Amino acid sequence: MPELTRTILIADDEPDIHEFLQAAIEREGLQFVNAVDGEEALAKAHSETPDLIILDVQMPKRDGFSVFAELQKSEATRDIPVIMLTGVGERTGVKFKSEDMGSFLGKEPAAYIDKPVDAAGIRETAYSLMRI
């Protein structure tokens, strides 16, 4: 029986991050869709219905928090697991936690990963969330 194709939406304004994440997570049966800002991320989340969303916190047009909150409002996207990425902790020393987001937005993301991203860690997290 052929393996099921799964789609990962990567929303980040840095093209190098798209390439890195695709290389780190690459596996037969996975396809990637990219978005470079928050508005495009929302549009592609609805049009592509991905199995996983990797969402940068700091993006043009709409930040990741706003996109995450909007995804939670839609029945079509609220159950898609979201991995939030940020470089804020490295630059400012302020660390975000899933629990803090849950308190603020009403729901926690599936995972929260600081940049620079560890390839093995993101791969393990993505596979676990997609149950592959």
C-alpha atoms as a PDB file:
ATOM      1  CA  MET A   1       0.000   0.000   0.000  1.00  0.00           C
ATOM      2  CA  PRO A   2       1.496   3.407  -0.967  1.00  0.00           C
ATOM      3  CA  GLU A   3       2.408   5.813   1.807  1.00  0.00           C
ATOM      4  CA  LEU A   4      -0.002   8.684   2.417  1.00  0.00           C
ATOM      5  CA  THR A   5       1.233  12.090   1.222  1.00  0.00           C
ATOM      6  CA  ARG A   6       1.300  14.727   3.933  1.00  0.00           C
ATOM      7  CA  THR A   7       1.682  18.466   3.546  1.00  0.00           C
ATOM      8  CA  ILE A   8       3.668  20.835   5.747  1.00  0.00           C
ATOM      9  CA  LEU A   9       3.102  24.585   5.497  1.00  0.00           C
ATOM     10  CA  ILE A  10       6.235  26.558   6.382  1.00  0.00           C
ATOM     11  CA  ALA A  11       5.464  30.205   7.123  1.00  0.00           C
ATOM     12  CA  ASP A  12       8.608  32.300   7.570  1.00  0.00           C
ATOM     13  CA  ASP A  13       9.886  35.464   5.918  1.00  0.00           C
ATOM     14  CA  GLU A  14      13.441  34.083   5.619  1.00  0.00           C
ATOM     15  CA  PRO A  15      14.000  31.897   2.511  1.00  0.00           C
ATOM     16  CA  ASP A  16      16.987  30.199   4.204  1.00  0.00           C
ATOM     17  CA  ILE A  17      14.667  28.923   6.931  1.00  0.00           C
ATOM     18  CA  HIS A  18      12.367  27.358   4.299  1.00  0.00           C
ATOM     19  CA  GLU A  19      15.315  25.546   2.736  1.00  0.00           C
ATOM     20  CA  PHE A  20      16.738  24.439   6.092  1.00  0.00           C
ATOM     21  CA  LEU A  21      13.423  23.105   7.394  1.00  0.00           C
ATOM     22  CA  GLN A  22      12.639  21.257   4.168  1.00  0.00           C
ATOM     23  CA  ALA A  23      16.085  19.634   4.200  1.00  0.00           C
ATOM     24  CA  ALA A  24      15.803  18.754   7.895  1.00  0.00           C
ATOM     25  CA  ILE A  25      12.318  17.234   7.656  1.00  0.00           C
ATOM     26  CA  GLU A  26      12.489  15.784   4.123  1.00  0.00           C
ATOM     27  CA  ARG A  27      11.050  12.306   3.833  1.00  0.00           C
ATOM     28  CA  GLU A  28       9.229  10.324   1.159  1.00  0.00           C
ATOM     29  CA  GLY A  29       5.529  11.164   1.223  1.00  0.00           C
ATOM     30  CA  LEU A  30       5.981  14.751   2.427  1.00  0.00           C
ATOM     31  CA  GLN A  31       5.333  17.857   0.379  1.00  0.00           C
ATOM     32  CA  PHE A  32       6.031  21.426   1.418  1.00  0.00           C
ATOM     33  CA  VAL A  33       4.097  24.631   0.848  1.00  0.00           C
ATOM     34  CA  ASN A  34       5.775  27.942   1.667  1.00  0.00           C
ATOM     35  CA  ALA A  35       4.433  31.297   2.816  1.00  0.00           C
ATOM     36  CA  VAL A  36       6.537  34.425   3.357  1.00  0.00           C
ATOM     37  CA  ASP A  37       4.130  36.485   5.476  1.00  0.00           C
ATOM     38  CA  GLY A  38       1.180  36.054   7.804  1.00  0.00           C
ATOM     39  CA  GLU A  39      -1.522  36.820   5.237  1.00  0.00           C
ATOM     40  CA  GLU A  40      -0.119  34.266   2.793  1.00  0.00           C
ATOM     41  CA  ALA A  41       0.167  31.730   5.642  1.00  0.00           C
ATOM     42  CA  LEU A  42      -3.534  32.087   6.456  1.00  0.00           C
ATOM     43  CA  ALA A  43      -4.570  31.846   2.802  1.00  0.00           C
ATOM     44  CA  LYS A  44      -2.466  28.724   2.226  1.00  0.00           C
ATOM     45  CA  ALA A  45      -3.615  27.118   5.488  1.00  0.00           C
ATOM     46  CA  HIS A  46      -7.177  27.344   4.155  1.00  0.00           C
ATOM     47  CA  SER A  47      -6.455  26.432   0.518  1.00  0.00           C
ATOM     48  CA  GLU A  48      -3.945  23.606   1.128  1.00  0.00           C
ATOM     49  CA  THR A  49      -5.292  22.204   4.441  1.00  0.00           C
ATOM     50  CA  PRO A  50      -1.818  21.096   5.584  1.00  0.00           C
ATOM     51  CA  ASP A  51      -1.172  18.305   8.080  1.00  0.00           C
ATOM     52  CA  LEU A  52       1.271  20.526   9.992  1.00  0.00           C
ATOM     53  CA  ILE A  53       2.076  24.239  10.097  1.00  0.00           C
ATOM     54  CA  ILE A  54       5.481  25.596  11.064  1.00  0.00           C
ATOM     55  CA  LEU A  55       4.847  29.237  11.900  1.00  0.00           C
ATOM     56  CA  ASP A  56       7.407  31.969  12.543  1.00  0.00           C
ATOM     57  CA  VAL A  57       6.455  34.488  15.233  1.00  0.00           C
ATOM     58  CA  GLN A  58       7.898  37.559  13.496  1.00  0.00           C
ATOM     59  CA  MET A  59       6.628  37.972   9.927  1.00  0.00           C
ATOM     60  CA  PRO A  60       5.427  40.842   7.740  1.00  0.00           C
ATOM     61  CA  LYS A  61       1.733  41.698   7.337  1.00  0.00           C
ATOM     62  CA  ARG A  62       0.628  39.506  10.281  1.00  0.00           C
ATOM     63  CA  ASP A  63       2.724  38.081  13.072  1.00  0.00           C
ATOM     64  CA  GLY A  64       2.623  34.429  14.051  1.00  0.00           C
ATOM     65  CA  PHE A  65       0.530  35.064  17.165  1.00  0.00           C
ATOM     66  CA  SER A  66      -2.161  36.747  15.070  1.00  0.00           C
ATOM     67  CA  VAL A  67      -2.061  33.950  12.491  1.00  0.00           C
ATOM     68  CA  PHE A  68      -2.294  31.289  15.208  1.00  0.00           C
ATOM     69  CA  ALA A  69      -5.276  33.051  16.797  1.00  0.00           C
ATOM     70  CA  GLU A  70      -7.021  33.276  13.407  1.00  0.00           C
ATOM     71  CA  LEU A  71      -6.369  29.590  12.684  1.00  0.00           C
ATOM     72  CA  GLN A  72      -8.091  28.714  15.969  1.00  0.00           C
ATOM     73  CA  LYS A  73     -11.275  30.544  14.889  1.00  0.00           C
ATOM     74  CA  SER A  74     -11.819  28.359  11.822  1.00  0.00           C
ATOM     75  CA  GLU A  75     -13.236  24.857  12.061  1.00  0.00           C
ATOM     76  CA  ALA A  76     -11.194  23.945   8.967  1.00  0.00           C
ATOM     77  CA  THR A  77      -7.829  24.872  10.556  1.00  0.00           C
ATOM     78  CA  ARG A  78      -8.180  24.755  14.341  1.00  0.00           C
ATOM     79  CA  ASP A  79      -7.077  21.116  14.646  1.00  0.00           C
ATOM     80  CA  ILE A  80      -3.955  21.443  12.470  1.00  0.00           C
ATOM     81  CA  PRO A  81      -0.911  21.095  14.750  1.00  0.00           C
ATOM     82  CA  VAL A  82       1.234  24.247  14.804  1.00  0.00           C
ATOM     83  CA  ILE A  83       4.926  24.493  15.642  1.00  0.00           C
ATOM     84  CA  MET A  84       5.808  28.087  16.522  1.00  0.00           C
ATOM     85  CA  LEU A  85       9.358  29.273  15.715  1.00  0.00           C
ATOM     86  CA  THR A  86      11.042  32.363  17.078  1.00  0.00           C
ATOM     87  CA  GLY A  87      14.407  34.047  17.239  1.00  0.00           C
ATOM     88  CA  VAL A  88      13.205  36.518  19.888  1.00  0.00           C
ATOM     89  CA  GLY A  89      14.643  34.500  22.782  1.00  0.00           C
ATOM     90  CA  GLU A  90      18.112  34.482  21.281  1.00  0.00           C
ATOM     91  CA  ARG A  91      18.066  38.236  20.615  1.00  0.00           C
ATOM     92  CA  THR A  92      16.328  39.444  23.770  1.00  0.00           C
ATOM     93  CA  GLY A  93      16.704  36.683  26.356  1.00  0.00           C
ATOM     94  CA  VAL A  94      12.885  36.508  26.638  1.00  0.00           C
ATOM     95  CA  LYS A  95      11.612  32.940  26.279  1.00  0.00           C
ATOM     96  CA  PHE A  96       8.071  32.168  25.121  1.00  0.00           C
ATOM     97  CA  LYS A  97       6.299  29.126  26.489  1.00  0.00           C
ATOM     98  CA  SER A  98       3.360  27.187  25.089  1.00  0.00           C
ATOM     99  CA  GLU A  99       1.523  27.624  28.399  1.00  0.00           C
ATOM    100  CA  ASP A 100       1.881  31.411  28.166  1.00  0.00           C
ATOM    101  CA  MET A 101       0.405  31.364  24.680  1.00  0.00           C
ATOM    102  CA  GLY A 102      -2.409  29.133  25.873  1.00  0.00           C
ATOM    103  CA  SER A 103      -3.243  31.629  28.590  1.00  0.00           C
ATOM    104  CA  PHE A 104      -3.074  34.531  26.142  1.00  0.00           C
ATOM    105  CA  LEU A 105      -4.816  32.967  23.117  1.00  0.00           C
ATOM    106  CA  GLY A 106      -6.931  30.249  24.706  1.00  0.00           C
ATOM    107  CA  LYS A 107      -4.990  27.358  23.158  1.00  0.00           C
ATOM    108  CA  GLU A 108      -1.359  26.311  23.133  1.00  0.00           C
ATOM    109  CA  PRO A 109       0.534  25.529  19.942  1.00  0.00           C
ATOM    110  CA  ALA A 110       1.542  21.879  19.561  1.00  0.00           C
ATOM    111  CA  ALA A 111       5.208  22.892  20.055  1.00  0.00           C
ATOM    112  CA  TYR A 112       7.341  25.961  20.503  1.00  0.00           C
ATOM    113  CA  ILE A 113      10.918  25.944  19.152  1.00  0.00           C
ATOM    114  CA  ASP A 114      13.552  28.667  19.463  1.00  0.00           C
ATOM    115  CA  LYS A 115      15.831  29.638  16.598  1.00  0.00           C
ATOM    116  CA  PRO A 116      18.436  28.597  15.745  1.00  0.00           C
ATOM    117  CA  VAL A 117      16.499  25.414  15.068  1.00  0.00           C
ATOM    118  CA  ASP A 118      18.095  22.040  15.732  1.00  0.00           C
ATOM    119  CA  ALA A 119      17.562  19.833  12.647  1.00  0.00           C
ATOM    120  CA  ALA A 120      17.078  16.604  14.586  1.00  0.00           C
ATOM    121  CA  GLY A 121      14.729  18.279  17.063  1.00  0.00           C
ATOM    122  CA  ILE A 122      12.443  19.815  14.434  1.00  0.00           C
ATOM    123  CA  ARG A 123      12.384  16.565  12.462  1.00  0.00           C
ATOM    124  CA  GLU A 124      11.470  14.516  15.546  1.00  0.00           C
ATOM    125  CA  THR A 125       8.788  17.019  16.575  1.00  0.00           C
ATOM    126  CA  ALA A 126       7.272  17.207  13.073  1.00  0.00           C
ATOM    127  CA  TYR A 127       7.183  13.417  12.644  1.00  0.00           C
ATOM    128  CA  SER A 128       5.686  12.959  16.093  1.00  0.00           C
ATOM    129  CA  LEU A 129       2.914  15.500  15.467  1.00  0.00           C
ATOM    130  CA  MET A 130       2.080  13.903  12.116  1.00  0.00           C
ATOM    131  CA  ARG A 131       2.389  10.412  13.604  1.00  0.00           C
ATOM    132  CA  ILE A 132       4.899   9.166  11.030  1.00  0.00           C
END
